[in-house]
Amino acid sequence: MESKIKHPISCIAWPGLMVLCVAIMAYGFTHGHPVLYFNVAYVVLIVTLFFLERWMPHEREWTKPDGQTLANILHTLSSKGTSQLLLLFGGIIGLTELMEDPTPGIWPRGWPLTAQVVLGVVVAEFPLYWAHRVGHEWPFLWRFHAVHHSVIKLWIVNTGRFHFVDSLYKIVPSVGLLLALGTPPAVVVWFSAITGFVGMLTHCNVEMRLGPLSWFFNTPELHRWHHSKDSREGNKNYCENVMVWDLMFGTYFRQSHRRPPTDIGIPEFMPPHFVHQIMWPFLTKEGKRQIETGCLSAS
């Protein structure tokens, strides 16, 4: 009986939760409080996924503790909490309240808002794609991005596990491009909110049947392949929200005949403590050796 209930939920969970979050945001815009209602939608999404992860997990092993919950939360506060939410929502909305005439540009402001938001997501995805791809292919930037990929399981709490440098070099070009094109602030806020919703859904450990959705959106299925230890699978699916640029540049990866790997992570060492993880990309080989030796001996 329970399996009969879980099957339809697994089919509607992703689109249903996404529509719900967008509806809450739309209500917030209508009443002049988009940031407040973004937070409401985000909390609703977190709570719902928290219970779904325990009731119908994609991978049962991923429900076990990995010793990284505190580090995940601190990374979220240091990267997403400061650079994304405060910079984008607080900074942009605060500035636009002081601007009677938004910066002009080539952006099609005459289009319906929904069409502008769709265009904004696709346009901003281009620098997001390349920033993410370079983070894998350029060893210097991989030092920072490896903090995110060092997790051995995916669940909602490590959604925001990013080194703050990793977050900044992705956020600045994407939002900067939108602003340079003269995009209205409402579109930028919508893009930021959608990125937050998709990111949480992408990392959740919930069994979801996604079907053709994975051809258009970054889904949990695609992102699980992206976390594979096999670089032929892991160095794929770089898009954050919509998969248009992965499809265009040949980095889209999906195999329907087998499940994504559950043994995820990175081949190199990553210290278990948050402070050491923040320091890690900046350290010399000798400094890393000292931390690694200390961490290993302490364990």
Protein backbone atom coordinates (compact mmCIF):
# COMPACT_ATOMS: atom_id res chain seq x y z
CA MET A 1 0.00 0.00 0.00
CA GLU A 2 2.79 2.39 0.94
CA SER A 3 4.60 1.76 -2.35
CA LYS A 4 1.40 2.62 -4.22
CA ILE A 5 1.36 5.98 -2.46
CA LYS A 6 5.06 6.67 -2.97
CA HIS A 7 5.02 6.03 -6.72
CA PRO A 8 2.69 8.92 -7.68
CA ILE A 9 4.42 11.20 -5.18
CA SER A 10 7.79 10.43 -6.78
CA CYS A 11 6.32 11.50 -10.12
CA ILE A 12 4.85 14.80 -8.97
CA ALA A 13 7.29 15.80 -6.21
CA TRP A 14 9.73 17.84 -8.34
CA PRO A 15 7.24 19.75 -10.53
CA GLY A 16 4.76 20.06 -7.67
CA LEU A 17 7.24 21.59 -5.23
CA MET A 18 8.68 23.87 -7.90
CA VAL A 19 5.22 25.17 -8.85
CA LEU A 20 4.37 25.68 -5.17
CA CYS A 21 7.54 27.71 -4.55
CA VAL A 22 6.99 29.83 -7.66
CA ALA A 23 3.37 30.43 -6.63
CA ILE A 24 4.47 31.63 -3.17
CA MET A 25 7.03 33.96 -4.79
CA ALA A 26 4.39 35.31 -7.18
CA TYR A 27 2.11 36.01 -4.23
CA GLY A 28 4.99 37.85 -2.57
CA PHE A 29 5.56 40.01 -5.64
CA THR A 30 1.85 40.82 -5.81
CA HIS A 31 1.91 42.03 -2.22
CA GLY A 32 5.22 43.86 -2.49
CA HIS A 33 7.32 41.50 -0.34
CA PRO A 34 9.18 39.13 -2.70
CA VAL A 35 12.15 38.59 -0.38
CA LEU A 36 9.96 37.72 2.60
CA TYR A 37 7.96 35.24 0.56
CA PHE A 38 11.10 33.78 -0.98
CA ASN A 39 12.14 32.87 2.55
CA VAL A 40 8.67 31.45 3.24
CA ALA A 41 8.85 29.32 0.08
CA TYR A 42 12.38 28.19 0.90
CA VAL A 43 11.40 27.10 4.42
CA VAL A 44 8.37 25.22 3.05
CA LEU A 45 10.65 23.49 0.52
CA ILE A 46 13.25 22.57 3.15
CA VAL A 47 10.70 21.16 5.59
CA THR A 48 8.91 19.16 2.89
CA LEU A 49 12.12 17.68 1.50
CA PHE A 50 13.40 16.94 5.01
CA PHE A 51 10.45 14.63 5.65
CA LEU A 52 10.48 13.15 2.14
CA GLU A 53 14.17 12.27 2.52
CA ARG A 54 13.30 10.15 5.50
CA TRP A 55 10.15 8.60 4.11
CA MET A 56 11.21 7.88 0.52
CA PRO A 57 14.98 8.37 0.13
CA HIS A 58 16.67 7.82 -3.21
CA GLU A 59 19.61 6.18 -1.44
CA ARG A 60 19.12 4.68 2.03
CA GLU A 61 22.87 4.85 2.80
CA TRP A 62 22.76 8.62 2.37
CA THR A 63 20.45 8.94 5.38
CA LYS A 64 23.31 7.95 7.69
CA PRO A 65 25.41 10.70 9.34
CA ASP A 66 28.62 11.69 7.57
CA GLY A 67 30.05 13.99 10.23
CA GLN A 68 29.72 17.03 7.97
CA THR A 69 26.39 18.56 9.04
CA LEU A 70 27.96 21.43 11.00
CA ALA A 71 30.49 22.13 8.24
CA ASN A 72 27.67 22.10 5.67
CA ILE A 73 25.65 24.62 7.66
CA LEU A 74 28.63 26.91 8.21
CA HIS A 75 29.50 26.81 4.51
CA THR A 76 25.90 27.68 3.70
CA LEU A 77 25.99 30.65 6.06
CA SER A 78 29.34 31.87 4.77
CA SER A 79 28.60 31.49 1.06
CA LYS A 80 24.90 31.45 0.28
CA GLY A 81 23.79 33.34 3.35
CA THR A 82 26.14 36.27 2.81
CA SER A 83 27.17 36.50 -0.85
CA GLN A 84 23.93 35.34 -2.47
CA LEU A 85 21.01 36.31 -0.26
CA LEU A 86 22.45 39.49 1.24
CA LEU A 87 24.26 40.66 -1.88
CA LEU A 88 21.51 39.87 -4.37
CA PHE A 89 18.31 40.40 -2.43
CA GLY A 90 19.46 43.00 0.05
CA GLY A 91 21.84 44.88 -2.22
CA ILE A 92 19.87 44.89 -5.44
CA ILE A 93 16.51 45.61 -3.87
CA GLY A 94 18.02 48.26 -1.64
CA LEU A 95 19.66 50.00 -4.58
CA THR A 96 16.64 49.88 -6.84
CA GLU A 97 14.49 51.49 -4.19
CA LEU A 98 16.76 54.53 -4.53
CA MET A 99 16.63 54.51 -8.35
CA GLU A 100 13.64 56.16 -9.98
CA ASP A 101 14.76 55.07 -13.45
CA PRO A 102 16.41 51.62 -13.73
CA THR A 103 19.51 51.39 -15.87
CA PRO A 104 18.53 51.26 -19.58
CA GLY A 105 19.90 48.58 -21.87
CA ILE A 106 19.02 46.20 -24.67
CA TRP A 107 16.79 44.08 -22.47
CA PRO A 108 13.25 43.59 -23.89
CA ARG A 109 11.43 45.35 -21.05
CA GLY A 110 8.24 45.42 -23.09
CA TRP A 111 7.87 41.64 -22.91
CA PRO A 112 5.52 40.07 -20.34
CA LEU A 113 7.32 39.48 -17.04
CA THR A 114 7.04 35.69 -17.36
CA ALA A 115 8.81 35.77 -20.73
CA GLN A 116 11.50 38.05 -19.31
CA VAL A 117 12.09 35.68 -16.40
CA VAL A 118 12.46 32.70 -18.75
CA LEU A 119 14.90 34.68 -20.89
CA GLY A 120 16.76 35.85 -17.78
CA VAL A 121 17.24 32.31 -16.51
CA VAL A 122 18.58 31.14 -19.88
CA VAL A 123 20.89 34.16 -20.32
CA ALA A 124 22.26 34.03 -16.76
CA GLU A 125 22.82 30.29 -17.16
CA PHE A 126 25.53 30.95 -19.75
CA PRO A 127 28.10 32.48 -17.31
CA LEU A 128 26.95 30.04 -14.61
CA TYR A 129 27.71 27.15 -16.96
CA TRP A 130 31.18 28.38 -17.86
CA ALA A 131 32.08 29.35 -14.29
CA HIS A 132 31.09 25.87 -13.14
CA ARG A 133 32.89 24.16 -16.00
CA VAL A 134 36.08 26.15 -15.49
CA GLY A 135 35.85 25.27 -11.79
CA HIS A 136 36.28 21.63 -12.82
CA GLU A 137 38.81 22.10 -15.59
CA TRP A 138 41.12 24.75 -14.11
CA PRO A 139 43.11 23.27 -11.18
CA PHE A 140 43.34 26.60 -9.33
CA LEU A 141 39.55 27.01 -9.18
CA TRP A 142 39.01 23.32 -8.53
CA ARG A 143 40.72 23.86 -5.16
CA PHE A 144 37.64 25.87 -4.11
CA HIS A 145 34.99 23.83 -5.90
CA ALA A 146 36.37 20.58 -4.47
CA VAL A 147 34.93 21.59 -1.11
CA HIS A 148 31.46 21.07 -2.56
CA HIS A 149 32.34 17.82 -4.32
CA SER A 150 34.03 16.31 -1.28
CA VAL A 151 30.67 15.23 0.16
CA ILE A 152 30.02 11.48 0.24
CA LYS A 153 26.25 11.83 0.13
CA LEU A 154 23.73 14.28 -1.28
CA TRP A 155 20.95 15.73 0.85
CA ILE A 156 19.33 19.08 1.47
CA VAL A 157 21.82 20.19 4.14
CA ASN A 158 24.80 20.22 1.76
CA THR A 159 22.96 22.19 -0.93
CA GLY A 160 24.81 25.33 0.15
CA ARG A 161 28.15 23.67 0.89
CA PHE A 162 30.33 25.95 -1.22
CA HIS A 163 33.56 27.74 -0.45
CA PHE A 164 32.65 31.44 -0.44
CA VAL A 165 35.14 32.11 -3.25
CA ASP A 166 33.44 29.43 -5.34
CA SER A 167 30.06 31.15 -4.84
CA LEU A 168 31.33 34.61 -5.63
CA TYR A 169 33.01 33.78 -8.93
CA LYS A 170 29.75 32.19 -10.11
CA ILE A 171 27.32 34.81 -8.84
CA VAL A 172 29.11 37.96 -9.98
CA PRO A 173 29.27 37.15 -13.74
CA SER A 174 25.70 35.82 -13.95
CA VAL A 175 24.03 38.71 -12.13
CA GLY A 176 26.50 41.17 -13.64
CA LEU A 177 25.50 40.10 -17.15
CA LEU A 178 21.81 40.58 -16.38
CA LEU A 179 22.42 44.04 -14.94
CA ALA A 180 24.68 45.02 -17.85
CA LEU A 181 21.88 44.13 -20.27
CA GLY A 182 19.49 46.39 -18.39
CA THR A 183 17.42 43.60 -16.86
CA PRO A 184 14.70 44.86 -14.48
CA PRO A 185 15.34 44.15 -10.80
CA ALA A 186 12.24 41.92 -10.61
CA VAL A 187 13.77 39.55 -13.18
CA VAL A 188 17.04 39.40 -11.25
CA VAL A 189 15.15 38.56 -8.06
CA TRP A 190 13.16 35.86 -9.88
CA PHE A 191 16.37 34.37 -11.30
CA SER A 192 17.95 34.30 -7.83
CA ALA A 193 14.87 32.68 -6.30
CA ILE A 194 14.58 30.03 -9.00
CA THR A 195 18.27 29.22 -8.62
CA GLY A 196 17.70 28.72 -4.89
CA PHE A 197 14.69 26.46 -5.40
CA VAL A 198 16.33 24.34 -8.11
CA GLY A 199 19.51 24.01 -6.06
CA MET A 200 17.64 22.63 -3.07
CA LEU A 201 15.65 20.21 -5.22
CA THR A 202 18.78 19.15 -7.10
CA HIS A 203 20.65 18.04 -3.98
CA CYS A 204 17.80 16.33 -2.16
CA ASN A 205 17.97 12.62 -1.34
CA VAL A 206 14.39 11.93 -2.43
CA GLU A 207 13.28 9.27 -4.88
CA MET A 208 11.88 11.20 -7.84
CA ARG A 209 10.75 9.98 -11.24
CA LEU A 210 11.66 12.86 -13.50
CA GLY A 211 11.30 11.58 -17.05
CA PRO A 212 11.54 14.30 -19.73
CA LEU A 213 12.04 17.01 -17.10
CA SER A 214 15.74 16.08 -17.07
CA TRP A 215 16.07 17.22 -20.68
CA PHE A 216 15.09 20.76 -19.69
CA PHE A 217 15.96 21.31 -16.02
CA ASN A 218 18.84 20.46 -13.71
CA THR A 219 17.27 17.64 -11.72
CA PRO A 220 18.49 15.38 -8.89
CA GLU A 221 19.08 12.65 -11.46
CA LEU A 222 21.48 14.78 -13.50
CA HIS A 223 23.27 16.22 -10.52
CA ARG A 224 23.92 12.79 -9.02
CA TRP A 225 25.83 11.93 -12.20
CA HIS A 226 27.72 15.21 -11.80
CA HIS A 227 28.98 14.09 -8.37
CA SER A 228 30.38 10.83 -9.71
CA LYS A 229 34.01 10.05 -8.91
CA ASP A 230 34.41 9.00 -12.55
CA SER A 231 35.44 12.18 -14.38
CA ARG A 232 33.75 10.93 -17.56
CA GLU A 233 30.47 11.29 -15.66
CA GLY A 234 31.37 13.97 -13.10
CA ASN A 235 32.71 16.51 -15.59
CA LYS A 236 29.27 16.83 -17.14
CA ASN A 237 25.93 18.54 -16.39
CA TYR A 238 27.37 21.93 -15.43
CA CYS A 239 24.17 23.96 -15.80
CA GLU A 240 22.56 25.13 -12.59
CA ASN A 241 18.93 25.58 -13.64
CA VAL A 242 18.21 24.74 -17.27
CA MET A 243 20.26 22.34 -19.36
CA VAL A 244 20.38 24.38 -22.57
CA TRP A 245 24.14 25.04 -22.53
CA ASP A 246 25.12 21.48 -21.58
CA LEU A 247 23.09 20.26 -24.53
CA MET A 248 24.63 22.88 -26.82
CA PHE A 249 28.25 22.29 -25.77
CA GLY A 250 28.06 18.50 -25.53
CA THR A 251 28.44 18.13 -21.75
CA TYR A 252 24.98 16.73 -21.06
CA PHE A 253 25.13 13.27 -19.46
CA ARG A 254 22.33 10.89 -18.60
CA GLN A 255 22.05 7.11 -18.70
CA SER A 256 18.58 5.74 -18.15
CA HIS A 257 19.63 2.08 -18.07
CA ARG A 258 21.45 2.42 -14.72
CA ARG A 259 21.28 4.46 -11.56
CA PRO A 260 23.75 7.27 -10.88
CA PRO A 261 26.62 6.20 -8.60
CA THR A 262 26.11 6.24 -4.85
CA ASP A 263 29.84 6.16 -4.04
CA ILE A 264 30.46 9.85 -4.65
CA GLY A 265 33.17 12.30 -3.59
CA ILE A 266 36.66 13.29 -4.70
CA PRO A 267 39.86 11.23 -4.99
CA GLU A 268 41.95 13.74 -3.06
CA PHE A 269 41.91 14.46 0.67
CA MET A 270 39.63 17.12 2.17
CA PRO A 271 39.94 17.97 5.88
CA PRO A 272 36.77 17.34 7.89
CA HIS A 273 36.66 20.66 9.76
CA PHE A 274 35.04 23.81 8.37
CA VAL A 275 37.93 26.19 9.16
CA HIS A 276 40.44 23.86 7.52
CA GLN A 277 38.17 23.53 4.47
CA ILE A 278 38.07 27.32 4.12
CA MET A 279 41.85 27.51 4.43
CA TRP A 280 42.57 24.47 2.23
CA PRO A 281 42.63 26.14 -1.24
CA PHE A 282 45.08 28.80 -0.05
CA LEU A 283 47.60 26.48 1.62
CA THR A 284 50.96 25.36 0.29
CA LYS A 285 51.71 21.66 -0.06
CA GLU A 286 53.52 21.79 3.26
CA GLY A 287 50.58 23.46 4.98
CA LYS A 288 48.20 20.86 3.56
CA ARG A 289 50.52 18.07 4.66
CA GLN A 290 50.53 19.38 8.21
CA ILE A 291 46.73 19.59 8.38
CA GLU A 292 46.29 16.21 6.72
CA THR A 293 48.72 14.58 9.08
CA GLY A 294 47.06 16.19 12.06
CA CYS A 295 43.57 15.23 10.90
CA LEU A 296 44.55 11.68 10.17
CA SER A 297 46.42 11.18 13.44
CA ALA A 298 43.54 12.69 15.40
CA SER A 299 41.14 10.22 13.89
